[in-house]
């Protein structure tokens, strides 16, 4: 019995959405981005929020039955009842993004 799970469509979708989010983040990187703090040492920027909104919206549209956990969104514990959960960090390396050193990614 073949138990291989084919996630090709999900992989291609995730790559496309990451590229779209990268375009959003890049507009802030070459321009300016307001910085706020979630806590003492946890910055969040407009780039974080804009990329998050885009990614969360796209996942919800394409996979409405899936759960979602994102660093920049309020946690919805109903995700624990879902068959599958997407885990998102729309701008991993916010401090590096602010420092403009290129050491950040979309996950």
N, C-alpha and C. Protein backbone atom coordinates (compact mmCIF):
# COMPACT_ATOMS: atom_id res chain seq x y z
N UNK A 1 0.83 -1.17 0.00
CA UNK A 1 0.00 0.00 0.00
C UNK A 1 0.89 1.25 0.00
N UNK A 2 0.63 2.15 -0.95
CA UNK A 2 1.40 3.38 -1.06
C UNK A 2 0.83 4.42 -0.09
N UNK A 3 1.63 4.84 0.86
CA UNK A 3 1.18 5.84 1.83
C UNK A 3 1.80 7.21 1.57
N UNK A 4 2.37 7.38 0.38
CA UNK A 4 2.98 8.65 0.02
C UNK A 4 1.91 9.73 -0.09
N UNK A 5 2.18 10.85 0.52
CA UNK A 5 1.27 11.99 0.48
C UNK A 5 1.77 12.96 -0.57
N UNK A 6 0.96 13.23 -1.58
CA UNK A 6 1.36 14.15 -2.65
C UNK A 6 0.96 15.57 -2.27
N UNK A 7 1.95 16.37 -1.96
CA UNK A 7 1.72 17.76 -1.58
C UNK A 7 2.26 18.73 -2.63
N UNK A 8 2.35 18.27 -3.86
CA UNK A 8 2.89 19.09 -4.94
C UNK A 8 2.13 20.40 -5.09
N UNK A 9 0.82 20.34 -5.12
CA UNK A 9 0.01 21.56 -5.30
C UNK A 9 0.23 22.53 -4.13
N UNK A 10 0.29 22.00 -2.92
CA UNK A 10 0.50 22.84 -1.74
C UNK A 10 1.89 23.48 -1.77
N UNK A 11 2.88 22.69 -2.17
CA UNK A 11 4.25 23.19 -2.27
C UNK A 11 4.33 24.33 -3.29
N UNK A 12 3.77 24.11 -4.46
CA UNK A 12 3.80 25.14 -5.50
C UNK A 12 3.05 26.39 -5.06
N UNK A 13 1.92 26.21 -4.40
CA UNK A 13 1.16 27.34 -3.87
C UNK A 13 1.99 28.10 -2.84
N UNK A 14 2.60 27.39 -1.90
CA UNK A 14 3.40 28.03 -0.85
C UNK A 14 4.56 28.81 -1.45
N UNK A 15 5.21 28.26 -2.45
CA UNK A 15 6.32 28.96 -3.11
C UNK A 15 5.82 30.23 -3.79
N UNK A 16 4.68 30.15 -4.46
CA UNK A 16 4.12 31.32 -5.14
C UNK A 16 3.75 32.40 -4.13
N UNK A 17 3.10 32.03 -3.06
CA UNK A 17 2.69 33.00 -2.04
C UNK A 17 3.92 33.62 -1.37
N UNK A 18 4.95 32.83 -1.14
CA UNK A 18 6.19 33.37 -0.56
C UNK A 18 6.82 34.39 -1.50
N UNK A 19 6.80 34.11 -2.80
CA UNK A 19 7.33 35.09 -3.78
C UNK A 19 6.50 36.37 -3.76
N UNK A 20 5.19 36.22 -3.69
CA UNK A 20 4.32 37.40 -3.62
C UNK A 20 4.61 38.22 -2.36
N UNK A 21 4.76 37.54 -1.24
CA UNK A 21 5.07 38.22 0.02
C UNK A 21 6.44 38.89 -0.05
N UNK A 22 7.39 38.24 -0.72
CA UNK A 22 8.72 38.83 -0.88
C UNK A 22 8.64 40.15 -1.64
N UNK A 23 7.78 40.20 -2.64
CA UNK A 23 7.58 41.45 -3.39
C UNK A 23 7.06 42.54 -2.46
N UNK A 24 6.11 42.19 -1.62
CA UNK A 24 5.55 43.15 -0.66
C UNK A 24 6.64 43.64 0.30
N UNK A 25 7.38 42.70 0.88
CA UNK A 25 8.43 43.04 1.84
C UNK A 25 9.51 43.90 1.19
N UNK A 26 9.86 43.59 -0.04
CA UNK A 26 10.90 44.34 -0.75
C UNK A 26 10.52 45.81 -0.93
N UNK A 27 9.24 46.09 -1.16
CA UNK A 27 8.83 47.49 -1.31
C UNK A 27 9.12 48.28 -0.04
N UNK A 28 8.96 47.65 1.11
CA UNK A 28 9.28 48.32 2.37
C UNK A 28 10.79 48.37 2.60
N UNK A 29 11.50 47.34 2.18
CA UNK A 29 12.94 47.27 2.39
C UNK A 29 13.67 48.38 1.64
N UNK A 30 13.25 48.65 0.42
CA UNK A 30 13.91 49.70 -0.37
C UNK A 30 13.34 51.08 -0.04
N UNK A 31 12.21 51.11 0.62
CA UNK A 31 11.61 52.37 1.02
C UNK A 31 11.80 52.58 2.51
N UNK A 32 10.70 52.69 3.20
CA UNK A 32 10.77 52.83 4.65
C UNK A 32 9.65 51.99 5.27
N UNK A 33 9.84 51.66 6.52
CA UNK A 33 8.85 50.85 7.22
C UNK A 33 8.81 51.28 8.67
N UNK A 34 7.63 51.65 9.13
CA UNK A 34 7.46 52.06 10.53
C UNK A 34 7.72 50.86 11.44
N UNK A 35 8.42 51.11 12.54
CA UNK A 35 8.74 50.05 13.50
C UNK A 35 7.98 50.29 14.80
N UNK A 36 7.31 49.25 15.27
CA UNK A 36 6.66 49.26 16.58
C UNK A 36 7.23 48.08 17.35
N UNK A 37 6.84 47.95 18.60
CA UNK A 37 7.34 46.84 19.42
C UNK A 37 6.18 46.08 20.03
N UNK A 38 6.18 44.75 19.80
CA UNK A 38 5.17 43.87 20.41
C UNK A 38 5.46 43.72 21.89
N UNK A 39 6.73 43.71 22.22
CA UNK A 39 7.20 43.67 23.60
C UNK A 39 8.55 44.38 23.61
N UNK A 40 9.21 44.38 24.73
CA UNK A 40 10.45 45.14 24.89
C UNK A 40 11.46 44.93 23.76
N UNK A 41 11.67 43.71 23.36
CA UNK A 41 12.72 43.42 22.38
C UNK A 41 12.17 42.72 21.13
N UNK A 42 10.88 42.88 20.85
CA UNK A 42 10.26 42.23 19.69
C UNK A 42 9.67 43.25 18.73
N UNK A 43 10.47 43.70 17.75
CA UNK A 43 9.95 44.67 16.80
C UNK A 43 8.99 44.04 15.80
N UNK A 44 8.10 44.86 15.29
CA UNK A 44 7.21 44.46 14.21
C UNK A 44 7.10 45.67 13.28
N UNK A 45 7.11 45.42 11.98
CA UNK A 45 7.09 46.50 11.00
C UNK A 45 5.85 46.42 10.12
N UNK A 46 5.65 47.46 9.34
CA UNK A 46 4.58 47.44 8.34
C UNK A 46 4.80 46.28 7.37
N UNK A 47 6.05 45.99 7.08
CA UNK A 47 6.36 44.88 6.18
C UNK A 47 5.87 43.55 6.76
N UNK A 48 6.11 43.33 8.06
CA UNK A 48 5.61 42.13 8.74
C UNK A 48 4.09 42.02 8.57
N UNK A 49 3.42 43.10 8.89
CA UNK A 49 1.95 43.09 8.89
C UNK A 49 1.38 42.94 7.48
N UNK A 50 1.96 43.64 6.53
CA UNK A 50 1.45 43.55 5.15
C UNK A 50 1.67 42.16 4.56
N UNK A 51 2.86 41.61 4.76
CA UNK A 51 3.14 40.27 4.26
C UNK A 51 2.24 39.25 4.95
N UNK A 52 2.05 39.41 6.25
CA UNK A 52 1.19 38.51 7.00
C UNK A 52 -0.23 38.53 6.44
N UNK A 53 -0.77 39.71 6.25
CA UNK A 53 -2.14 39.83 5.74
C UNK A 53 -2.29 39.13 4.39
N UNK A 54 -1.31 39.33 3.53
CA UNK A 54 -1.36 38.71 2.21
C UNK A 54 -1.31 37.18 2.31
N UNK A 55 -0.36 36.67 3.07
CA UNK A 55 -0.18 35.22 3.19
C UNK A 55 -1.42 34.57 3.82
N UNK A 56 -1.89 35.13 4.91
CA UNK A 56 -3.05 34.57 5.63
C UNK A 56 -4.28 34.56 4.72
N UNK A 57 -4.49 35.64 4.01
CA UNK A 57 -5.64 35.73 3.10
C UNK A 57 -5.55 34.69 2.00
N UNK A 58 -4.39 34.57 1.39
CA UNK A 58 -4.22 33.61 0.28
C UNK A 58 -4.42 32.17 0.76
N UNK A 59 -3.88 31.82 1.91
CA UNK A 59 -4.06 30.46 2.43
C UNK A 59 -5.53 30.20 2.72
N UNK A 60 -6.19 31.14 3.36
CA UNK A 60 -7.61 30.96 3.70
C UNK A 60 -8.47 30.82 2.45
N UNK A 61 -8.14 31.54 1.39
CA UNK A 61 -8.89 31.43 0.14
C UNK A 61 -8.68 30.08 -0.54
N UNK A 62 -7.43 29.63 -0.56
CA UNK A 62 -7.09 28.41 -1.29
C UNK A 62 -7.40 27.13 -0.49
N UNK A 63 -7.21 27.20 0.81
CA UNK A 63 -7.39 26.02 1.67
C UNK A 63 -8.26 26.38 2.88
N UNK A 64 -9.53 26.66 2.66
CA UNK A 64 -10.40 27.15 3.74
C UNK A 64 -10.61 26.17 4.89
N UNK A 65 -10.34 24.90 4.68
CA UNK A 65 -10.53 23.91 5.74
C UNK A 65 -9.28 23.70 6.59
N UNK A 66 -8.19 24.36 6.22
CA UNK A 66 -6.93 24.21 6.95
C UNK A 66 -6.86 25.21 8.10
N UNK A 67 -6.08 24.87 9.11
CA UNK A 67 -5.81 25.79 10.20
C UNK A 67 -4.59 26.64 9.88
N UNK A 68 -4.36 27.64 10.70
CA UNK A 68 -3.26 28.57 10.45
C UNK A 68 -2.71 29.09 11.77
N UNK A 69 -1.40 29.10 11.88
CA UNK A 69 -0.71 29.69 13.01
C UNK A 69 0.34 30.64 12.44
N UNK A 70 0.17 31.92 12.70
CA UNK A 70 1.10 32.92 12.17
C UNK A 70 1.62 33.79 13.30
N UNK A 71 2.90 34.11 13.24
CA UNK A 71 3.52 34.92 14.28
C UNK A 71 2.83 36.28 14.44
N UNK A 72 2.31 36.82 13.37
CA UNK A 72 1.74 38.16 13.42
C UNK A 72 0.21 38.19 13.50
N UNK A 73 -0.42 37.05 13.71
CA UNK A 73 -1.88 36.99 13.84
C UNK A 73 -2.26 36.46 15.22
N UNK A 74 -3.43 36.84 15.66
CA UNK A 74 -3.95 36.30 16.91
C UNK A 74 -4.15 34.80 16.74
N UNK A 75 -3.72 34.04 17.71
CA UNK A 75 -3.84 32.58 17.63
C UNK A 75 -5.30 32.16 17.76
N UNK A 76 -5.74 31.36 16.81
CA UNK A 76 -7.09 30.80 16.82
C UNK A 76 -6.95 29.32 17.18
N UNK A 77 -7.31 28.97 18.39
CA UNK A 77 -7.12 27.60 18.87
C UNK A 77 -7.97 26.58 18.13
N UNK A 78 -8.93 27.02 17.33
CA UNK A 78 -9.70 26.06 16.54
C UNK A 78 -8.80 25.37 15.52
N UNK A 79 -7.61 25.94 15.29
CA UNK A 79 -6.65 25.30 14.38
C UNK A 79 -6.29 23.90 14.86
N UNK A 80 -6.38 23.69 16.17
CA UNK A 80 -6.02 22.39 16.74
C UNK A 80 -6.99 21.29 16.33
N UNK A 81 -8.16 21.67 15.86
CA UNK A 81 -9.16 20.70 15.41
C UNK A 81 -9.06 20.42 13.91
N UNK A 82 -8.16 21.08 13.25
CA UNK A 82 -8.04 20.95 11.79
C UNK A 82 -7.15 19.76 11.43
N UNK A 83 -7.39 19.23 10.25
CA UNK A 83 -6.59 18.11 9.75
C UNK A 83 -5.17 18.57 9.43
N UNK A 84 -5.06 19.82 8.98
CA UNK A 84 -3.74 20.34 8.58
C UNK A 84 -3.64 21.79 9.03
N UNK A 85 -2.43 22.19 9.44
CA UNK A 85 -2.19 23.56 9.90
C UNK A 85 -0.97 24.13 9.18
N UNK A 86 -1.13 25.33 8.66
CA UNK A 86 -0.02 26.07 8.05
C UNK A 86 0.63 26.91 9.14
N UNK A 87 1.95 26.90 9.20
CA UNK A 87 2.68 27.70 10.18
C UNK A 87 3.47 28.76 9.40
N UNK A 88 3.24 30.03 9.76
CA UNK A 88 3.75 31.14 8.97
C UNK A 88 4.55 32.11 9.83
N UNK A 89 5.69 32.52 9.32
CA UNK A 89 6.41 33.68 9.86
C UNK A 89 6.63 34.60 8.67
N UNK A 90 5.80 35.63 8.54
CA UNK A 90 5.82 36.45 7.33
C UNK A 90 7.12 37.22 7.11
N UNK A 91 7.85 37.46 8.18
CA UNK A 91 9.15 38.13 8.05
C UNK A 91 10.03 37.63 9.19
N UNK A 92 10.73 36.54 8.94
CA UNK A 92 11.63 35.98 9.93
C UNK A 92 12.93 36.77 9.88
N UNK A 93 13.28 37.38 10.98
CA UNK A 93 14.47 38.23 11.00
C UNK A 93 14.11 39.70 10.92
N UNK A 94 13.09 40.09 11.66
CA UNK A 94 12.65 41.49 11.61
C UNK A 94 13.76 42.45 12.03
N UNK A 95 14.53 42.09 13.04
CA UNK A 95 15.64 42.97 13.47
C UNK A 95 16.64 43.15 12.35
N UNK A 96 16.92 42.08 11.63
CA UNK A 96 17.85 42.15 10.50
C UNK A 96 17.26 42.97 9.36
N UNK A 97 15.96 42.84 9.15
CA UNK A 97 15.26 43.64 8.15
C UNK A 97 15.40 45.12 8.48
N UNK A 98 15.18 45.47 9.74
CA UNK A 98 15.30 46.86 10.19
C UNK A 98 16.72 47.36 9.99
N UNK A 99 17.71 46.50 10.27
CA UNK A 99 19.12 46.86 10.12
C UNK A 99 19.55 46.92 8.65
N UNK A 100 18.67 46.46 7.75
CA UNK A 100 18.94 46.45 6.30
C UNK A 100 20.21 45.65 5.96
N UNK A 101 20.37 44.49 6.62
CA UNK A 101 21.56 43.68 6.34
C UNK A 101 21.26 42.48 5.45
N UNK A 102 20.01 42.33 5.01
CA UNK A 102 19.65 41.25 4.08
C UNK A 102 19.44 39.89 4.71
N UNK A 103 19.57 39.78 6.02
CA UNK A 103 19.48 38.48 6.69
C UNK A 103 18.07 38.22 7.21
N UNK A 104 17.11 38.12 6.33
CA UNK A 104 15.72 37.84 6.72
C UNK A 104 15.09 36.96 5.65
N UNK A 105 13.97 36.36 6.01
CA UNK A 105 13.29 35.48 5.05
C UNK A 105 11.79 35.44 5.34
N UNK A 106 11.08 34.81 4.43
CA UNK A 106 9.65 34.58 4.58
C UNK A 106 9.46 33.09 4.77
N UNK A 107 8.77 32.72 5.84
CA UNK A 107 8.60 31.29 6.14
C UNK A 107 7.14 30.96 6.32
